[in-house]
Amino acid sequence: MDGLPSPGDVVLVTRAASVQFVRPVMFRVIRVVTEWVTYDGWTWLHGYSLDERGNAVEKRDLFVQPAGLQLMRRPAAPAPRRTNQRPATPGRRPAPAPGTRQPVRR
């Protein structure tokens, strides 16, 4: 992986990132800790280890080499939020069925 992961990224952490990971771990990054002084080429990540479905299982702090991380996916862009406002122009009403009375508007 080039550079540091971003919050929301899902990465695969293997022995290439740190020798402690004999078994690979899927990890969702919450935050990259840049305030702590570490060895050159190493960083701390806050986030969640994930199960095979992508559900968060455990909150963890990892000390890893970002160059050894494998980016699995970036977070999807959030869907636009719908507002509860009416359109600026009034909508057209459908024509009444034949034989029905029209309401009187006052």
PDB file of N, CA and C in Angstrom:
ATOM      1  N   MET A   1       0.849  -1.171   0.000  1.00  0.00           N
ATOM      2  CA  MET A   1       0.000   0.000   0.000  1.00  0.00           C
ATOM      3  C   MET A   1       0.895   1.235   0.000  1.00  0.00           C
ATOM      4  N   ASP A   2       0.567   2.182  -0.844  1.00  0.00           N
ATOM      5  CA  ASP A   2       1.324   3.431  -0.900  1.00  0.00           C
ATOM      6  C   ASP A   2       0.725   4.422   0.092  1.00  0.00           C
ATOM      7  N   GLY A   3       1.534   4.932   0.998  1.00  0.00           N
ATOM      8  CA  GLY A   3       1.063   5.908   1.969  1.00  0.00           C
ATOM      9  C   GLY A   3       0.285   5.276   3.102  1.00  0.00           C
ATOM     10  N   LEU A   4      -0.422   6.126   3.828  1.00  0.00           N
ATOM     11  CA  LEU A   4      -1.191   5.682   4.985  1.00  0.00           C
ATOM     12  C   LEU A   4      -2.634   5.403   4.588  1.00  0.00           C
ATOM     13  N   PRO A   5      -3.286   4.458   5.272  1.00  0.00           N
ATOM     14  CA  PRO A   5      -4.704   4.247   4.994  1.00  0.00           C
ATOM     15  C   PRO A   5      -5.524   5.430   5.502  1.00  0.00           C
ATOM     16  N   SER A   6      -6.727   5.549   5.012  1.00  0.00           N
ATOM     17  CA  SER A   6      -7.643   6.607   5.435  1.00  0.00           C
ATOM     18  C   SER A   6      -8.723   6.018   6.331  1.00  0.00           C
ATOM     19  N   PRO A   7      -9.349   6.832   7.176  1.00  0.00           N
ATOM     20  CA  PRO A   7     -10.455   6.323   7.979  1.00  0.00           C
ATOM     21  C   PRO A   7     -11.534   5.715   7.092  1.00  0.00           C
ATOM     22  N   GLY A   8     -11.999   4.541   7.472  1.00  0.00           N
ATOM     23  CA  GLY A   8     -13.006   3.820   6.690  1.00  0.00           C
ATOM     24  C   GLY A   8     -12.423   2.761   5.778  1.00  0.00           C
ATOM     25  N   ASP A   9     -11.128   2.837   5.479  1.00  0.00           N
ATOM     26  CA  ASP A   9     -10.494   1.826   4.635  1.00  0.00           C
ATOM     27  C   ASP A   9     -10.499   0.477   5.341  1.00  0.00           C
ATOM     28  N   VAL A  10     -10.682  -0.575   4.564  1.00  0.00           N
ATOM     29  CA  VAL A  10     -10.550  -1.935   5.080  1.00  0.00           C
ATOM     30  C   VAL A  10      -9.254  -2.493   4.503  1.00  0.00           C
ATOM     31  N   VAL A  11      -8.365  -2.932   5.405  1.00  0.00           N
ATOM     32  CA  VAL A  11      -7.067  -3.433   4.988  1.00  0.00           C
ATOM     33  C   VAL A  11      -6.873  -4.855   5.497  1.00  0.00           C
ATOM     34  N   LEU A  12      -6.059  -5.603   4.784  1.00  0.00           N
ATOM     35  CA  LEU A  12      -5.659  -6.935   5.219  1.00  0.00           C
ATOM     36  C   LEU A  12      -4.284  -6.789   5.856  1.00  0.00           C
ATOM     37  N   VAL A  13      -4.208  -7.177   7.134  1.00  0.00           N
ATOM     38  CA  VAL A  13      -2.956  -7.060   7.880  1.00  0.00           C
ATOM     39  C   VAL A  13      -2.320  -8.446   7.926  1.00  0.00           C
ATOM     40  N   THR A  14      -1.124  -8.578   7.357  1.00  0.00           N
ATOM     41  CA  THR A  14      -0.417  -9.859   7.311  1.00  0.00           C
ATOM     42  C   THR A  14       0.965  -9.691   7.933  1.00  0.00           C
ATOM     43  N   ARG A  15       1.762 -10.743   7.848  1.00  0.00           N
ATOM     44  CA  ARG A  15       3.133 -10.682   8.364  1.00  0.00           C
ATOM     45  C   ARG A  15       3.965  -9.619   7.667  1.00  0.00           C
ATOM     46  N   ALA A  16       3.571  -9.229   6.481  1.00  0.00           N
ATOM     47  CA  ALA A  16       4.296  -8.167   5.779  1.00  0.00           C
ATOM     48  C   ALA A  16       4.165  -6.828   6.511  1.00  0.00           C
ATOM     49  N   ALA A  17       3.070  -6.657   7.265  1.00  0.00           N
ATOM     50  CA  ALA A  17       2.860  -5.423   8.020  1.00  0.00           C
ATOM     51  C   ALA A  17       3.456  -5.511   9.417  1.00  0.00           C
ATOM     52  N   SER A  18       3.462  -6.720  10.012  1.00  0.00           N
ATOM     53  CA  SER A  18       4.033  -6.924  11.342  1.00  0.00           C
ATOM     54  C   SER A  18       4.138  -8.425  11.594  1.00  0.00           C
ATOM     55  N   VAL A  19       5.239  -8.845  12.191  1.00  0.00           N
ATOM     56  CA  VAL A  19       5.480 -10.283  12.392  1.00  0.00           C
ATOM     57  C   VAL A  19       4.488 -10.916  13.353  1.00  0.00           C
ATOM     58  N   GLN A  20       3.768 -10.122  14.125  1.00  0.00           N
ATOM     59  CA  GLN A  20       2.809 -10.689  15.070  1.00  0.00           C
ATOM     60  C   GLN A  20       1.587 -11.285  14.387  1.00  0.00           C
ATOM     61  N   PHE A  21       1.348 -10.958  13.117  1.00  0.00           N
ATOM     62  CA  PHE A  21       0.158 -11.432  12.426  1.00  0.00           C
ATOM     63  C   PHE A  21       0.464 -12.687  11.620  1.00  0.00           C
ATOM     64  N   VAL A  22       0.534 -13.816  12.329  1.00  0.00           N
ATOM     65  CA  VAL A  22       0.752 -15.099  11.677  1.00  0.00           C
ATOM     66  C   VAL A  22      -0.467 -15.418  10.815  1.00  0.00           C
ATOM     67  N   ARG A  23      -1.650 -15.159  11.379  1.00  0.00           N
ATOM     68  CA  ARG A  23      -2.890 -15.300  10.613  1.00  0.00           C
ATOM     69  C   ARG A  23      -3.328 -13.913  10.169  1.00  0.00           C
ATOM     70  N   PRO A  24      -3.693 -13.743   8.895  1.00  0.00           N
ATOM     71  CA  PRO A  24      -4.127 -12.423   8.410  1.00  0.00           C
ATOM     72  C   PRO A  24      -5.375 -11.931   9.148  1.00  0.00           C
ATOM     73  N   VAL A  25      -5.480 -10.616   9.290  1.00  0.00           N
ATOM     74  CA  VAL A  25      -6.604  -9.987   9.966  1.00  0.00           C
ATOM     75  C   VAL A  25      -7.180  -8.913   9.054  1.00  0.00           C
ATOM     76  N   MET A  26      -8.507  -8.967   8.858  1.00  0.00           N
ATOM     77  CA  MET A  26      -9.194  -7.882   8.159  1.00  0.00           C
ATOM     78  C   MET A  26      -9.430  -6.789   9.190  1.00  0.00           C
ATOM     79  N   PHE A  27      -9.148  -5.533   8.811  1.00  0.00           N
ATOM     80  CA  PHE A  27      -9.163  -4.444   9.776  1.00  0.00           C
ATOM     81  C   PHE A  27      -9.766  -3.203   9.140  1.00  0.00           C
ATOM     82  N   ARG A  28     -10.773  -2.602   9.812  1.00  0.00           N
ATOM     83  CA  ARG A  28     -11.354  -1.345   9.351  1.00  0.00           C
ATOM     84  C   ARG A  28     -10.709  -0.215  10.139  1.00  0.00           C
ATOM     85  N   VAL A  29     -10.103   0.704   9.443  1.00  0.00           N
ATOM     86  CA  VAL A  29      -9.375   1.804  10.065  1.00  0.00           C
ATOM     87  C   VAL A  29     -10.358   2.875  10.528  1.00  0.00           C
ATOM     88  N   ILE A  30     -10.234   3.252  11.805  1.00  0.00           N
ATOM     89  CA  ILE A  30     -10.982   4.393  12.338  1.00  0.00           C
ATOM     90  C   ILE A  30     -10.115   5.636  12.250  1.00  0.00           C
ATOM     91  N   ARG A  31      -8.836   5.466  12.646  1.00  0.00           N
ATOM     92  CA  ARG A  31      -7.948   6.623  12.710  1.00  0.00           C
ATOM     93  C   ARG A  31      -6.508   6.162  12.592  1.00  0.00           C
ATOM     94  N   VAL A  32      -5.711   6.947  11.905  1.00  0.00           N
ATOM     95  CA  VAL A  32      -4.266   6.757  11.853  1.00  0.00           C
ATOM     96  C   VAL A  32      -3.670   7.732  12.855  1.00  0.00           C
ATOM     97  N   VAL A  33      -2.936   7.206  13.825  1.00  0.00           N
ATOM     98  CA  VAL A  33      -2.372   8.050  14.876  1.00  0.00           C
ATOM     99  C   VAL A  33      -1.053   8.635  14.373  1.00  0.00           C
ATOM    100  N   THR A  34      -1.069   9.920  14.109  1.00  0.00           N
ATOM    101  CA  THR A  34       0.138  10.585  13.614  1.00  0.00           C
ATOM    102  C   THR A  34       0.835  11.377  14.716  1.00  0.00           C
ATOM    103  N   GLU A  35       0.180  11.512  15.867  1.00  0.00           N
ATOM    104  CA  GLU A  35       0.757  12.303  16.958  1.00  0.00           C
ATOM    105  C   GLU A  35       1.846  11.549  17.713  1.00  0.00           C
ATOM    106  N   TRP A  36       1.810  10.235  17.704  1.00  0.00           N
ATOM    107  CA  TRP A  36       2.777   9.444  18.461  1.00  0.00           C
ATOM    108  C   TRP A  36       4.048   9.247  17.646  1.00  0.00           C
ATOM    109  N   VAL A  37       5.178   9.416  18.274  1.00  0.00           N
ATOM    110  CA  VAL A  37       6.468   9.223  17.622  1.00  0.00           C
ATOM    111  C   VAL A  37       6.762   7.720  17.598  1.00  0.00           C
ATOM    112  N   THR A  38       7.068   7.204  16.408  1.00  0.00           N
ATOM    113  CA  THR A  38       7.346   5.773  16.251  1.00  0.00           C
ATOM    114  C   THR A  38       8.626   5.608  15.440  1.00  0.00           C
ATOM    115  N   TYR A  39       8.993   4.358  15.235  1.00  0.00           N
ATOM    116  CA  TYR A  39      10.134   4.069  14.370  1.00  0.00           C
ATOM    117  C   TYR A  39       9.784   4.448  12.944  1.00  0.00           C
ATOM    118  N   ASP A  40      10.800   4.784  12.163  1.00  0.00           N
ATOM    119  CA  ASP A  40      10.602   5.157  10.773  1.00  0.00           C
ATOM    120  C   ASP A  40       9.943   3.997  10.020  1.00  0.00           C
ATOM    121  N   GLY A  41       8.872   4.283   9.285  1.00  0.00           N
ATOM    122  CA  GLY A  41       8.179   3.269   8.502  1.00  0.00           C
ATOM    123  C   GLY A  41       7.103   2.528   9.280  1.00  0.00           C
ATOM    124  N   TRP A  42       6.833   2.911  10.516  1.00  0.00           N
ATOM    125  CA  TRP A  42       5.817   2.263  11.345  1.00  0.00           C
ATOM    126  C   TRP A  42       4.780   3.298  11.768  1.00  0.00           C
ATOM    127  N   THR A  43       3.555   2.832  12.065  1.00  0.00           N
ATOM    128  CA  THR A  43       2.497   3.723  12.547  1.00  0.00           C
ATOM    129  C   THR A  43       1.496   2.941  13.384  1.00  0.00           C
ATOM    130  N   TRP A  44       0.735   3.669  14.169  1.00  0.00           N
ATOM    131  CA  TRP A  44      -0.349   3.084  14.954  1.00  0.00           C
ATOM    132  C   TRP A  44      -1.660   3.314  14.228  1.00  0.00           C
ATOM    133  N   LEU A  45      -2.516   2.281  14.215  1.00  0.00           N
ATOM    134  CA  LEU A  45      -3.858   2.377  13.649  1.00  0.00           C
ATOM    135  C   LEU A  45      -4.872   2.045  14.738  1.00  0.00           C
ATOM    136  N   HIS A  46      -5.929   2.832  14.825  1.00  0.00           N
ATOM    137  CA  HIS A  46      -7.072   2.509  15.674  1.00  0.00           C
ATOM    138  C   HIS A  46      -8.164   1.998  14.744  1.00  0.00           C
ATOM    139  N   GLY A  47      -8.864   0.929  15.162  1.00  0.00           N
ATOM    140  CA  GLY A  47      -9.946   0.428  14.328  1.00  0.00           C
ATOM    141  C   GLY A  47     -10.548  -0.843  14.864  1.00  0.00           C
ATOM    142  N   TYR A  48     -11.190  -1.583  13.977  1.00  0.00           N
ATOM    143  CA  TYR A  48     -11.888  -2.808  14.347  1.00  0.00           C
ATOM    144  C   TYR A  48     -11.401  -3.972  13.505  1.00  0.00           C
ATOM    145  N   SER A  49     -11.157  -5.113  14.152  1.00  0.00           N
ATOM    146  CA  SER A  49     -10.926  -6.336  13.387  1.00  0.00           C
ATOM    147  C   SER A  49     -12.304  -6.821  12.938  1.00  0.00           C
ATOM    148  N   LEU A  50     -12.351  -7.399  11.751  1.00  0.00           N
ATOM    149  CA  LEU A  50     -13.615  -7.792  11.126  1.00  0.00           C
ATOM    150  C   LEU A  50     -13.701  -9.297  10.972  1.00  0.00           C
ATOM    151  N   ASP A  51     -14.933  -9.819  10.985  1.00  0.00           N
ATOM    152  CA  ASP A  51     -15.126 -11.240  10.696  1.00  0.00           C
ATOM    153  C   ASP A  51     -15.250 -11.415   9.187  1.00  0.00           C
ATOM    154  N   GLU A  52     -15.537 -12.642   8.751  1.00  0.00           N
ATOM    155  CA  GLU A  52     -15.580 -12.921   7.308  1.00  0.00           C
ATOM    156  C   GLU A  52     -16.723 -12.209   6.605  1.00  0.00           C
ATOM    157  N   ARG A  53     -17.748 -11.758   7.344  1.00  0.00           N
ATOM    158  CA  ARG A  53     -18.853 -11.005   6.751  1.00  0.00           C
ATOM    159  C   ARG A  53     -18.591  -9.508   6.700  1.00  0.00           C
ATOM    160  N   GLY A  54     -17.526  -9.066   7.366  1.00  0.00           N
ATOM    161  CA  GLY A  54     -17.216  -7.646   7.406  1.00  0.00           C
ATOM    162  C   GLY A  54     -17.777  -6.945   8.624  1.00  0.00           C
ATOM    163  N   ASN A  55     -18.296  -7.716   9.581  1.00  0.00           N
ATOM    164  CA  ASN A  55     -18.821  -7.129  10.818  1.00  0.00           C
ATOM    165  C   ASN A  55     -17.689  -6.904  11.811  1.00  0.00           C
ATOM    166  N   ALA A  56     -17.764  -5.781  12.525  1.00  0.00           N
ATOM    167  CA  ALA A  56     -16.756  -5.475  13.532  1.00  0.00           C
ATOM    168  C   ALA A  56     -16.874  -6.470  14.681  1.00  0.00           C
ATOM    169  N   VAL A  57     -15.721  -7.044  15.078  1.00  0.00           N
ATOM    170  CA  VAL A  57     -15.689  -8.043  16.134  1.00  0.00           C
ATOM    171  C   VAL A  57     -15.026  -7.489  17.384  1.00  0.00           C
ATOM    172  N   GLU A  58     -13.935  -6.754  17.199  1.00  0.00           N
ATOM    173  CA  GLU A  58     -13.148  -6.301  18.336  1.00  0.00           C
ATOM    174  C   GLU A  58     -12.462  -4.984  17.992  1.00  0.00           C
ATOM    175  N   LYS A  59     -12.500  -4.044  18.940  1.00  0.00           N
ATOM    176  CA  LYS A  59     -11.779  -2.784  18.755  1.00  0.00           C
ATOM    177  C   LYS A  59     -10.318  -3.025  19.103  1.00  0.00           C
ATOM    178  N   ARG A  60      -9.413  -2.550  18.229  1.00  0.00           N
ATOM    179  CA  ARG A  60      -7.984  -2.822  18.425  1.00  0.00           C
ATOM    180  C   ARG A  60      -7.141  -1.623  18.039  1.00  0.00           C
ATOM    181  N   ASP A  61      -5.925  -1.599  18.584  1.00  0.00           N
ATOM    182  CA  ASP A  61      -4.879  -0.671  18.178  1.00  0.00           C
ATOM    183  C   ASP A  61      -3.745  -1.523  17.625  1.00  0.00           C
ATOM    184  N   LEU A  62      -3.316  -1.222  16.397  1.00  0.00           N
ATOM    185  CA  LEU A  62      -2.271  -2.024  15.756  1.00  0.00           C
ATOM    186  C   LEU A  62      -1.048  -1.165  15.482  1.00  0.00           C
ATOM    187  N   PHE A  63       0.125  -1.747  15.691  1.00  0.00           N
ATOM    188  CA  PHE A  63       1.402  -1.110  15.365  1.00  0.00           C
ATOM    189  C   PHE A  63       1.930  -1.833  14.135  1.00  0.00           C
ATOM    190  N   VAL A  64       1.894  -1.167  12.987  1.00  0.00           N
ATOM    191  CA  VAL A  64       2.176  -1.837  11.719  1.00  0.00           C
ATOM    192  C   VAL A  64       3.054  -0.984  10.808  1.00  0.00           C
ATOM    193  N   GLN A  65       3.569  -1.639   9.776  1.00  0.00           N
ATOM    194  CA  GLN A  65       4.246  -0.952   8.677  1.00  0.00           C
ATOM    195  C   GLN A  65       3.213  -0.768   7.564  1.00  0.00           C
ATOM    196  N   PRO A  66       2.823   0.458   7.270  1.00  0.00           N
ATOM    197  CA  PRO A  66       1.805   0.680   6.241  1.00  0.00           C
ATOM    198  C   PRO A  66       2.158   0.075   4.888  1.00  0.00           C
ATOM    199  N   ALA A  67       3.449  -0.026   4.581  1.00  0.00           N
ATOM    200  CA  ALA A  67       3.862  -0.598   3.292  1.00  0.00           C
ATOM    201  C   ALA A  67       3.435  -2.061   3.175  1.00  0.00           C
ATOM    202  N   GLY A  68       3.227  -2.751   4.292  1.00  0.00           N
ATOM    203  CA  GLY A  68       2.832  -4.148   4.270  1.00  0.00           C
ATOM    204  C   GLY A  68       1.337  -4.384   4.287  1.00  0.00           C
ATOM    205  N   LEU A  69       0.538  -3.324   4.371  1.00  0.00           N
ATOM    206  CA  LEU A  69      -0.918  -3.463   4.375  1.00  0.00           C
ATOM    207  C   LEU A  69      -1.442  -3.653   2.961  1.00  0.00           C
ATOM    208  N   GLN A  70      -2.495  -4.435   2.834  1.00  0.00           N
ATOM    209  CA  GLN A  70      -3.150  -4.629   1.537  1.00  0.00           C
ATOM    210  C   GLN A  70      -4.526  -3.985   1.606  1.00  0.00           C
ATOM    211  N   LEU A  71      -4.761  -2.981   0.772  1.00  0.00           N
ATOM    212  CA  LEU A  71      -6.050  -2.298   0.747  1.00  0.00           C
ATOM    213  C   LEU A  71      -7.089  -3.229   0.135  1.00  0.00           C
ATOM    214  N   MET A  72      -8.158  -3.490   0.878  1.00  0.00           N
ATOM    215  CA  MET A  72      -9.224  -4.361   0.384  1.00  0.00           C
ATOM    216  C   MET A  72     -10.343  -3.546  -0.260  1.00  0.00           C
ATOM    217  N   ARG A  73     -10.776  -2.479   0.418  1.00  0.00           N
ATOM    218  CA  ARG A  73     -11.798  -1.608  -0.181  1.00  0.00           C
ATOM    219  C   ARG A  73     -11.820  -0.273   0.543  1.00  0.00           C
ATOM    220  N   ARG A  74     -12.225   0.723  -0.188  1.00  0.00           N
ATOM    221  CA  ARG A  74     -12.421   2.059   0.368  1.00  0.00           C
ATOM    222  C   ARG A  74     -13.901   2.198   0.720  1.00  0.00           C
ATOM    223  N   PRO A  75     -14.235   3.083   1.642  1.00  0.00           N
ATOM    224  CA  PRO A  75     -15.645   3.252   1.992  1.00  0.00           C
ATOM    225  C   PRO A  75     -16.427   3.801   0.805  1.00  0.00           C
ATOM    226  N   ALA A  76     -17.658   3.366   0.684  1.00  0.00           N
ATOM    227  CA  ALA A  76     -18.524   3.869  -0.384  1.00  0.00           C
ATOM    228  C   ALA A  76     -18.924   5.301  -0.074  1.00  0.00           C
ATOM    229  N   ALA A  77     -19.147   6.060  -1.124  1.00  0.00           N
ATOM    230  CA  ALA A  77     -19.593   7.443  -0.934  1.00  0.00           C
ATOM    231  C   ALA A  77     -20.991   7.414  -0.327  1.00  0.00           C
ATOM    232  N   PRO A  78     -21.261   8.277   0.633  1.00  0.00           N
ATOM    233  CA  PRO A  78     -22.584   8.265   1.244  1.00  0.00           C
ATOM    234  C   PRO A  78     -23.646   8.650   0.234  1.00  0.00           C
ATOM    235  N   ALA A  79     -24.809   8.020   0.357  1.00  0.00           N
ATOM    236  CA  ALA A  79     -25.922   8.331  -0.533  1.00  0.00           C
ATOM    237  C   ALA A  79     -26.444   9.725  -0.201  1.00  0.00           C
ATOM    238  N   PRO A  80     -26.896  10.469  -1.215  1.00  0.00           N
ATOM    239  CA  PRO A  80     -27.428  11.798  -0.923  1.00  0.00           C
ATOM    240  C   PRO A  80     -28.648  11.688  -0.016  1.00  0.00           C
ATOM    241  N   ARG A  81     -28.745  12.597   0.916  1.00  0.00           N
ATOM    242  CA  ARG A  81     -29.855  12.570   1.862  1.00  0.00           C
ATOM    243  C   ARG A  81     -31.080  13.181   1.217  1.00  0.00           C
ATOM    244  N   ARG A  82     -32.227  12.566   1.484  1.00  0.00           N
ATOM    245  CA  ARG A  82     -33.480  13.102   0.982  1.00  0.00           C
ATOM    246  C   ARG A  82     -34.020  14.105   1.984  1.00  0.00           C
ATOM    247  N   THR A  83     -34.587  15.163   1.472  1.00  0.00           N
ATOM    248  CA  THR A  83     -35.193  16.157   2.354  1.00  0.00           C
ATOM    249  C   THR A  83     -36.692  15.914   2.401  1.00  0.00           C
ATOM    250  N   ASN A  84     -37.321  16.411   3.427  1.00  0.00           N
ATOM    251  CA  ASN A  84     -38.766  16.257   3.577  1.00  0.00           C
ATOM    252  C   ASN A  84     -39.514  17.493   3.090  1.00  0.00           C
ATOM    253  N   GLN A  85     -38.920  18.210   2.178  1.00  0.00           N
ATOM    254  CA  GLN A  85     -39.542  19.414   1.661  1.00  0.00           C
ATOM    255  C   GLN A  85     -40.317  19.092   0.396  1.00  0.00           C
ATOM    256  N   ARG A  86     -41.388  19.858   0.190  1.00  0.00           N
ATOM    257  CA  ARG A  86     -42.174  19.697  -1.033  1.00  0.00           C
ATOM    258  C   ARG A  86     -41.441  20.369  -2.186  1.00  0.00           C
ATOM    259  N   PRO A  87     -41.715  19.938  -3.396  1.00  0.00           N
ATOM    260  CA  PRO A  87     -41.085  20.595  -4.548  1.00  0.00           C
ATOM    261  C   PRO A  87     -41.498  22.059  -4.619  1.00  0.00           C
ATOM    262  N   ALA A  88     -40.659  22.882  -5.218  1.00  0.00           N
ATOM    263  CA  ALA A  88     -40.926  24.319  -5.329  1.00  0.00           C
ATOM    264  C   ALA A  88     -42.134  24.590  -6.217  1.00  0.00           C
ATOM    265  N   THR A  89     -42.350  23.774  -7.242  1.00  0.00           N
ATOM    266  CA  THR A  89     -43.497  23.951  -8.131  1.00  0.00           C
ATOM    267  C   THR A  89     -44.564  22.930  -7.765  1.00  0.00           C
ATOM    268  N   PRO A  90     -45.829  23.344  -7.753  1.00  0.00           N
ATOM    269  CA  PRO A  90     -46.875  22.385  -7.393  1.00  0.00           C
ATOM    270  C   PRO A  90     -46.981  21.289  -8.440  1.00  0.00           C
ATOM    271  N   GLY A  91     -47.223  20.101  -7.982  1.00  0.00           N
ATOM    272  CA  GLY A  91     -47.367  18.967  -8.892  1.00  0.00           C
ATOM    273  C   GLY A  91     -48.762  18.919  -9.492  1.00  0.00           C
ATOM    274  N   ARG A  92     -48.892  18.226 -10.594  1.00  0.00           N
ATOM    275  CA  ARG A  92     -50.194  18.097 -11.243  1.00  0.00           C
ATOM    276  C   ARG A  92     -50.941  16.946 -10.605  1.00  0.00           C
ATOM    277  N   ARG A  93     -52.200  17.150 -10.395  1.00  0.00           N
ATOM    278  CA  ARG A  93     -53.046  16.088  -9.855  1.00  0.00           C
ATOM    279  C   ARG A  93     -53.614  15.289 -11.016  1.00  0.00           C
ATOM    280  N   PRO A  94     -53.800  14.007 -10.802  1.00  0.00           N
ATOM    281  CA  PRO A  94     -54.394  13.212 -11.883  1.00  0.00           C
ATOM    282  C   PRO A  94     -55.857  13.599 -12.084  1.00  0.00           C
ATOM    283  N   ALA A  95     -56.333  13.377 -13.276  1.00  0.00           N
ATOM    284  CA  ALA A  95     -57.731  13.692 -13.591  1.00  0.00           C
ATOM    285  C   ALA A  95     -58.636  12.775 -12.777  1.00  0.00           C
ATOM    286  N   PRO A  96     -59.773  13.304 -12.307  1.00  0.00           N
ATOM    287  CA  PRO A  96     -60.684  12.453 -11.528  1.00  0.00           C
ATOM    288  C   PRO A  96     -61.317  11.387 -12.406  1.00  0.00           C
ATOM    289  N   ALA A  97     -61.696  10.318 -11.768  1.00  0.00           N
ATOM    290  CA  ALA A  97     -62.359   9.241 -12.502  1.00  0.00           C
ATOM    291  C   ALA A  97     -63.726   9.724 -12.965  1.00  0.00           C
ATOM    292  N   PRO A  98     -64.209   9.223 -14.108  1.00  0.00           N
ATOM    293  CA  PRO A  98     -65.514   9.649 -14.600  1.00  0.00           C
ATOM    294  C   PRO A  98     -66.615   9.331 -13.581  1.00  0.00           C
ATOM    295  N   GLY A  99     -67.518  10.293 -13.413  1.00  0.00           N
ATOM    296  CA  GLY A  99     -68.661  10.077 -12.518  1.00  0.00           C
ATOM    297  C   GLY A  99     -68.388  10.425 -11.072  1.00  0.00           C
ATOM    298  N   THR A 100     -67.219  10.947 -10.755  1.00  0.00           N
ATOM    299  CA  THR A 100     -66.953  11.344  -9.368  1.00  0.00           C
ATOM    300  C   THR A 100     -67.114  12.839  -9.230  1.00  0.00           C
ATOM    301  N   ARG A 101     -67.414  13.276  -8.033  1.00  0.00           N
ATOM    302  CA  ARG A 101     -67.612  14.702  -7.785  1.00  0.00           C
ATOM    303  C   ARG A 101     -66.278  15.346  -7.482  1.00  0.00           C
ATOM    304  N   GLN A 102     -66.143  16.569  -7.932  1.00  0.00           N
ATOM    305  CA  GLN A 102     -64.962  17.372  -7.666  1.00  0.00           C
ATOM    306  C   GLN A 102     -65.133  18.068  -6.325  1.00  0.00           C
ATOM    307  N   PRO A 103     -64.083  18.102  -5.465  1.00  0.00           N
ATOM    308  CA  PRO A 103     -64.203  18.872  -4.223  1.00  0.00           C
ATOM    309  C   PRO A 103     -64.245  20.357  -4.542  1.00  0.00           C
ATOM    310  N   VAL A 104     -64.987  21.082  -3.743  1.00  0.00           N
ATOM    311  CA  VAL A 104     -65.112  22.504  -3.939  1.00  0.00           C
ATOM    312  C   VAL A 104     -63.963  23.182  -3.222  1.00  0.00           C
ATOM    313  N   ARG A 105     -63.244  24.022  -3.951  1.00  0.00           N
ATOM    314  CA  ARG A 105     -62.118  24.767  -3.343  1.00  0.00           C
ATOM    315  C   ARG A 105     -62.622  26.130  -2.939  1.00  0.00           C
ATOM    316  N   ARG A 106     -62.279  26.527  -1.776  1.00  0.00           N
ATOM    317  CA  ARG A 106     -62.718  27.846  -1.291  1.00  0.00           C
ATOM    318  C   ARG A 106     -61.580  28.754  -1.128  1.00  0.00           C
TER     319      ARG A 106
END
